[in-house]
C-alpha atoms as a PDB file:
ATOM      1  CA  MET A   1      72.468  -1.852 -85.366  1.00  0.00           C
ATOM      2  CA  ALA A   2      73.803  -3.148 -82.266  1.00  0.00           C
ATOM      3  CA  THR A   3      71.868  -4.056 -79.479  1.00  0.00           C
ATOM      4  CA  PRO A   4      72.748  -2.311 -76.355  1.00  0.00           C
ATOM      5  CA  THR A   5      74.330  -4.289 -73.680  1.00  0.00           C
ATOM      6  CA  PRO A   6      72.781  -4.547 -70.287  1.00  0.00           C
ATOM      7  CA  ALA A   7      75.248  -2.277 -68.759  1.00  0.00           C
ATOM      8  CA  ALA A   8      74.652   0.338 -71.443  1.00  0.00           C
ATOM      9  CA  ALA A   9      70.796   0.131 -71.001  1.00  0.00           C
ATOM     10  CA  HIS A  10      71.280   0.606 -67.376  1.00  0.00           C
ATOM     11  CA  GLU A  11      73.230   3.701 -67.976  1.00  0.00           C
ATOM     12  CA  THR A  12      70.631   5.059 -70.364  1.00  0.00           C
ATOM     13  CA  THR A  13      67.591   4.602 -67.884  1.00  0.00           C
ATOM     14  CA  THR A  14      69.594   5.831 -64.963  1.00  0.00           C
ATOM     15  CA  GLY A  15      70.771   8.828 -67.092  1.00  0.00           C
ATOM     16  CA  ALA A  16      67.248   9.780 -67.888  1.00  0.00           C
ATOM     17  CA  SER A  17      66.085   9.682 -64.242  1.00  0.00           C
ATOM     18  CA  THR A  18      69.100  11.533 -63.335  1.00  0.00           C
ATOM     19  CA  GLU A  19      68.084  14.282 -65.993  1.00  0.00           C
ATOM     20  CA  ALA A  20      64.621  14.436 -64.548  1.00  0.00           C
ATOM     21  CA  HIS A  21      66.010  14.997 -61.071  1.00  0.00           C
ATOM     22  CA  ALA A  22      68.205  17.485 -62.405  1.00  0.00           C
ATOM     23  CA  GLU A  23      65.677  19.549 -64.216  1.00  0.00           C
ATOM     24  CA  GLY A  24      63.097  20.086 -61.378  1.00  0.00           C
ATOM     25  CA  GLY A  25      62.571  17.359 -59.072  1.00  0.00           C
ATOM     26  CA  LEU A  26      59.420  15.368 -58.892  1.00  0.00           C
ATOM     27  CA  PRO A  27      57.353  14.996 -62.049  1.00  0.00           C
ATOM     28  CA  GLN A  28      54.164  16.232 -60.438  1.00  0.00           C
ATOM     29  CA  PHE A  29      55.587  19.524 -59.817  1.00  0.00           C
ATOM     30  CA  GLN A  30      56.621  20.071 -63.446  1.00  0.00           C
ATOM     31  CA  ILE A  31      54.675  23.006 -64.946  1.00  0.00           C
ATOM     32  CA  ALA A  32      54.883  21.964 -68.640  1.00  0.00           C
ATOM     33  CA  PRO A  33      52.065  19.421 -68.452  1.00  0.00           C
ATOM     34  CA  TRP A  34      49.723  21.457 -66.232  1.00  0.00           C
ATOM     35  CA  GLY A  35      47.996  23.286 -69.114  1.00  0.00           C
ATOM     36  CA  GLY A  36      46.595  19.933 -70.474  1.00  0.00           C
ATOM     37  CA  GLN A  37      45.681  18.814 -66.981  1.00  0.00           C
ATOM     38  CA  ILE A  38      43.824  22.068 -66.158  1.00  0.00           C
ATOM     39  CA  VAL A  39      41.899  21.798 -69.486  1.00  0.00           C
ATOM     40  CA  TYR A  40      41.208  18.133 -68.757  1.00  0.00           C
ATOM     41  CA  LEU A  41      40.106  19.087 -65.173  1.00  0.00           C
ATOM     42  CA  ILE A  42      37.698  21.942 -66.395  1.00  0.00           C
ATOM     43  CA  PHE A  43      36.355  19.587 -69.021  1.00  0.00           C
ATOM     44  CA  LEU A  44      35.604  16.869 -66.403  1.00  0.00           C
ATOM     45  CA  PHE A  45      34.164  19.420 -64.051  1.00  0.00           C
ATOM     46  CA  LEU A  46      31.801  20.780 -66.756  1.00  0.00           C
ATOM     47  CA  VAL A  47      30.704  17.348 -67.776  1.00  0.00           C
ATOM     48  CA  LEU A  48      29.993  16.362 -64.198  1.00  0.00           C
ATOM     49  CA  TYR A  49      28.278  19.670 -63.398  1.00  0.00           C
ATOM     50  CA  ALA A  50      26.054  19.240 -66.483  1.00  0.00           C
ATOM     51  CA  LEU A  51      25.199  15.581 -65.542  1.00  0.00           C
ATOM     52  CA  ILE A  52      24.485  16.568 -61.920  1.00  0.00           C
ATOM     53  CA  ALA A  53      22.509  19.765 -62.963  1.00  0.00           C
ATOM     54  CA  LYS A  54      20.580  18.157 -65.805  1.00  0.00           C
ATOM     55  CA  VAL A  55      20.107  14.577 -64.787  1.00  0.00           C
ATOM     56  CA  PHE A  56      20.787  13.669 -61.157  1.00  0.00           C
ATOM     57  CA  ALA A  57      19.546  16.768 -59.397  1.00  0.00           C
ATOM     58  CA  PRO A  58      16.156  16.845 -61.185  1.00  0.00           C
ATOM     59  CA  ARG A  59      15.599  13.191 -60.442  1.00  0.00           C
ATOM     60  CA  MET A  60      16.600  13.699 -56.809  1.00  0.00           C
ATOM     61  CA  ARG A  61      14.240  16.850 -56.701  1.00  0.00           C
ATOM     62  CA  ARG A  62      11.412  14.704 -58.148  1.00  0.00           C
ATOM     63  CA  VAL A  63      12.053  11.980 -55.520  1.00  0.00           C
ATOM     64  CA  PHE A  64      12.064  14.573 -52.788  1.00  0.00           C
ATOM     65  CA  ASP A  65       8.924  16.289 -54.175  1.00  0.00           C
ATOM     66  CA  ASP A  66       7.166  12.851 -54.590  1.00  0.00           C
ATOM     67  CA  ARG A  67       8.107  11.971 -51.060  1.00  0.00           C
ATOM     68  CA  SER A  68       6.933  15.302 -49.790  1.00  0.00           C
ATOM     69  CA  ASP A  69       3.710  15.014 -51.607  1.00  0.00           C
ATOM     70  CA  THR A  70       3.233  11.423 -50.400  1.00  0.00           C
ATOM     71  CA  ILE A  71       3.910  12.493 -46.751  1.00  0.00           C
ATOM     72  CA  GLY A  72       1.597  15.527 -47.123  1.00  0.00           C
ATOM     73  CA  LYS A  73      -1.200  13.376 -48.630  1.00  0.00           C
ATOM     74  CA  ALA A  74      -0.697  10.695 -45.862  1.00  0.00           C
ATOM     75  CA  ILE A  75      -0.858  13.429 -43.234  1.00  0.00           C
ATOM     76  CA  LEU A  76      -4.043  14.913 -44.734  1.00  0.00           C
ATOM     77  CA  GLU A  77      -5.543  11.518 -45.089  1.00  0.00           C
ATOM     78  CA  ALA A  78      -4.629  10.688 -41.456  1.00  0.00           C
ATOM     79  CA  ARG A  79      -6.236  13.966 -40.241  1.00  0.00           C
ATOM     80  CA  SER A  80      -9.451  13.320 -42.348  1.00  0.00           C
ATOM     81  CA  VAL A  81      -9.518   9.716 -40.860  1.00  0.00           C
ATOM     82  CA  GLN A  82      -8.943  11.072 -37.482  1.00  0.00           C
ATOM     83  CA  GLU A  83     -11.786  13.670 -37.850  1.00  0.00           C
ATOM     84  CA  GLU A  84     -14.021  11.005 -39.260  1.00  0.00           C
ATOM     85  CA  ALA A  85     -13.228   8.749 -36.302  1.00  0.00           C
ATOM     86  CA  GLN A  86     -13.892  11.586 -33.804  1.00  0.00           C
ATOM     87  CA  SER A  87     -17.221  12.272 -35.477  1.00  0.00           C
ATOM     88  CA  GLN A  88     -18.165   8.582 -35.432  1.00  0.00           C
ATOM     89  CA  ALA A  89     -17.130   8.334 -31.885  1.00  0.00           C
ATOM     90  CA  ALA A  90     -19.301  11.398 -31.079  1.00  0.00           C
ATOM     91  CA  ALA A  91     -22.231   9.843 -32.986  1.00  0.00           C
ATOM     92  CA  ALA A  92     -21.697   6.516 -31.067  1.00  0.00           C
ATOM     93  CA  HIS A  93     -21.643   8.456 -27.783  1.00  0.00           C
ATOM     94  CA  ALA A  94     -24.808  10.201 -28.725  1.00  0.00           C
ATOM     95  CA  GLU A  95     -26.412   6.850 -29.712  1.00  0.00           C
ATOM     96  CA  ILE A  96     -25.309   5.247 -26.448  1.00  0.00           C
ATOM     97  CA  ALA A  97     -26.812   8.189 -24.462  1.00  0.00           C
ATOM     98  CA  GLU A  98     -30.113   7.962 -26.537  1.00  0.00           C
ATOM     99  CA  ALA A  99     -30.156   4.103 -25.971  1.00  0.00           C
ATOM    100  CA  ARG A 100     -29.655   4.633 -22.277  1.00  0.00           C
ATOM    101  CA  ALA A 101     -32.423   7.232 -22.133  1.00  0.00           C
ATOM    102  CA  SER A 102     -34.628   5.042 -24.159  1.00  0.00           C
ATOM    103  CA  SER A 103     -33.998   2.058 -21.873  1.00  0.00           C
ATOM    104  CA  ARG A 104     -34.752   4.134 -18.884  1.00  0.00           C
ATOM    105  CA  ARG A 105     -37.992   5.287 -20.340  1.00  0.00           C
ATOM    106  CA  THR A 106     -38.902   1.757 -21.254  1.00  0.00           C
ATOM    107  CA  ALA A 107     -37.998   0.459 -17.764  1.00  0.00           C
ATOM    108  CA  ASN A 108     -40.048   3.254 -16.151  1.00  0.00           C
ATOM    109  CA  GLU A 109     -42.953   2.587 -18.507  1.00  0.00           C
ATOM    110  CA  ALA A 110     -42.770  -1.261 -17.653  1.00  0.00           C
ATOM    111  CA  LYS A 111     -42.550  -0.476 -13.970  1.00  0.00           C
ATOM    112  CA  ALA A 112     -45.543   1.791 -14.140  1.00  0.00           C
ATOM    113  CA  ARG A 113     -47.503  -0.834 -16.083  1.00  0.00           C
ATOM    114  CA  ILE A 114     -46.485  -3.592 -13.597  1.00  0.00           C
ATOM    115  CA  THR A 115     -47.323  -1.368 -10.622  1.00  0.00           C
ATOM    116  CA  ALA A 116     -50.765  -0.513 -12.190  1.00  0.00           C
ATOM    117  CA  ASP A 117     -51.347  -4.209 -13.015  1.00  0.00           C
ATOM    118  CA  VAL A 118     -50.360  -5.193  -9.416  1.00  0.00           C
ATOM    119  CA  ALA A 119     -52.614  -2.547  -8.064  1.00  0.00           C
ATOM    120  CA  ARG A 120     -55.452  -3.689 -10.231  1.00  0.00           C
ATOM    121  CA  ARG A 121     -54.984  -7.279  -9.311  1.00  0.00           C
ATOM    122  CA  GLN A 122     -54.685  -6.415  -5.729  1.00  0.00           C
ATOM    123  CA  ALA A 123     -57.965  -4.409  -5.778  1.00  0.00           C
ATOM    124  CA  GLU A 124     -59.587  -7.329  -7.680  1.00  0.00           C
ATOM    125  CA  GLN A 125     -58.383  -9.768  -4.949  1.00  0.00           C
ATOM    126  CA  GLU A 126     -59.482  -7.386  -2.316  1.00  0.00           C
ATOM    127  CA  ASP A 127     -62.922  -7.049  -3.885  1.00  0.00           C
ATOM    128  CA  VAL A 128     -63.085 -10.954  -4.086  1.00  0.00           C
ATOM    129  CA  LEU A 129     -61.925 -11.275  -0.432  1.00  0.00           C
ATOM    130  CA  ALA A 130     -64.367  -8.590   0.658  1.00  0.00           C
ATOM    131  CA  ALA A 131     -67.240 -10.344  -1.214  1.00  0.00           C
ATOM    132  CA  ARG A 132     -66.181 -13.656   0.495  1.00  0.00           C
ATOM    133  CA  VAL A 133     -65.964 -11.975   3.913  1.00  0.00           C
ATOM    134  CA  ALA A 134     -69.398 -10.483   3.360  1.00  0.00           C
ATOM    135  CA  GLU A 135     -70.738 -13.734   2.274  1.00  0.00           C
ATOM    136  CA  ALA A 136     -69.111 -15.496   5.260  1.00  0.00           C
ATOM    137  CA  GLU A 137     -70.533 -12.870   7.666  1.00  0.00           C
ATOM    138  CA  THR A 138     -73.927 -13.310   6.160  1.00  0.00           C
ATOM    139  CA  ARG A 139     -73.679 -17.133   6.626  1.00  0.00           C
ATOM    140  CA  ILE A 140     -72.367 -16.681  10.051  1.00  0.00           C
ATOM    141  CA  GLY A 141     -75.237 -14.266  10.831  1.00  0.00           C
ATOM    142  CA  GLN A 142     -77.706 -16.843   9.458  1.00  0.00           C
ATOM    143  CA  MET A 143     -76.115 -19.622  11.440  1.00  0.00           C
ATOM    144  CA  ARG A 144     -76.170 -17.457  14.544  1.00  0.00           C
ATOM    145  CA  ASP A 145     -79.944 -16.585  14.044  1.00  0.00           C
ATOM    146  CA  ARG A 146     -80.613 -20.250  13.447  1.00  0.00           C
ATOM    147  CA  ALA A 147     -78.593 -21.154  16.536  1.00  0.00           C
ATOM    148  CA  MET A 148     -80.415 -18.527  18.496  1.00  0.00           C
ATOM    149  CA  GLY A 149     -83.615 -19.748  17.238  1.00  0.00           C
ATOM    150  CA  GLN A 150     -82.669 -23.340  18.526  1.00  0.00           C
ATOM    151  CA  VAL A 151     -81.389 -21.968  21.781  1.00  0.00           C
ATOM    152  CA  GLU A 152     -85.053 -21.923  23.112  1.00  0.00           C
ATOM    153  CA  THR A 153     -85.473 -25.480  21.993  1.00  0.00           C
ATOM    154  CA  VAL A 154     -82.199 -26.528  23.561  1.00  0.00           C
ATOM    155  CA  ALA A 155     -83.099 -24.587  26.712  1.00  0.00           C
ATOM    156  CA  ASP A 156     -86.424 -26.267  26.893  1.00  0.00           C
ATOM    157  CA  ASP A 157     -84.868 -29.706  26.335  1.00  0.00           C
ATOM    158  CA  THR A 158     -82.226 -28.995  28.856  1.00  0.00           C
ATOM    159  CA  THR A 159     -84.806 -27.707  31.455  1.00  0.00           C
ATOM    160  CA  ARG A 160     -87.036 -30.840  30.891  1.00  0.00           C
ATOM    161  CA  ALA A 161     -84.058 -33.097  31.355  1.00  0.00           C
ATOM    162  CA  ILE A 162     -83.008 -31.248  34.540  1.00  0.00           C
ATOM    163  CA  VAL A 163     -86.556 -31.292  35.926  1.00  0.00           C
ATOM    164  CA  GLU A 164     -87.001 -34.882  35.100  1.00  0.00           C
ATOM    165  CA  LYS A 165     -83.742 -35.781  36.808  1.00  0.00           C
ATOM    166  CA  LEU A 166     -84.551 -33.888  39.861  1.00  0.00           C
ATOM    167  CA  THR A 167     -88.112 -34.826  40.309  1.00  0.00           C
ATOM    168  CA  GLY A 168     -88.188 -37.993  38.512  1.00  0.00           C
ATOM    169  CA  LYS A 169     -91.195 -37.103  36.311  1.00  0.00           C
ATOM    170  CA  ALA A 170     -91.427 -35.231  32.981  1.00  0.00           C
ATOM    171  CA  ALA A 171     -92.358 -31.523  33.035  1.00  0.00           C
ATOM    172  CA  SER A 172     -95.262 -30.258  31.049  1.00  0.00           C
ATOM    173  CA  ALA A 173     -95.229 -27.523  28.514  1.00  0.00           C
ATOM    174  CA  ALA A 174     -97.117 -25.164  30.828  1.00  0.00           C
ATOM    175  CA  GLU A 175     -94.548 -25.661  33.600  1.00  0.00           C
ATOM    176  CA  LEU A 176     -91.665 -24.984  31.146  1.00  0.00           C
ATOM    177  CA  SER A 177     -93.269 -21.686  29.972  1.00  0.00           C
ATOM    178  CA  VAL A 178     -93.695 -20.639  33.666  1.00  0.00           C
ATOM    179  CA  ALA A 179     -90.093 -21.485  34.369  1.00  0.00           C
ATOM    180  CA  LYS A 180     -88.934 -19.456  31.395  1.00  0.00           C
ATOM    181  CA  GLY A 181     -90.880 -16.435  32.391  1.00  0.00           C
ATOM    182  CA  ALA A 182     -89.380 -16.498  35.864  1.00  0.00           C
ATOM    183  CA  ALA A 183     -85.870 -16.613  34.483  1.00  0.00           C
END
């Protein structure tokens, strides 16, 4: 067998392409291989449809369902936590109100006790002061009575001294009693 020369090989390849162009134009528009391609396309479509329907879609559905359940549970938990926080806040407000009322009561009771204690001490001090004033008045009365009792003696001594100065001689007790009676 003879090997084709390059010129002959060139004619063979160009001849085949010329025949293809002459038969119908572009190879993708040739109808003869379409039957196999359609079968192959349907086969691939069915395989991909089966994979998507049986494998990928259920997995995605599970992911979406899990996600939906997780979000739903989180929302329910958040609502329950919020309700619990609101109830705790209401309880705290009630405790604060009770503590305020209790502190007001305690303050009022302490104020009343202090006022009563001050009034009692003041009454005791007034009683002590009244007793001292009464005692002082009694002493003053006694001192006044003593002083009044000595007034006669002082008056007699003064009269005697005056008479002695004026007359130059001492006055007798009878003369002093006459002078007292005249006054």
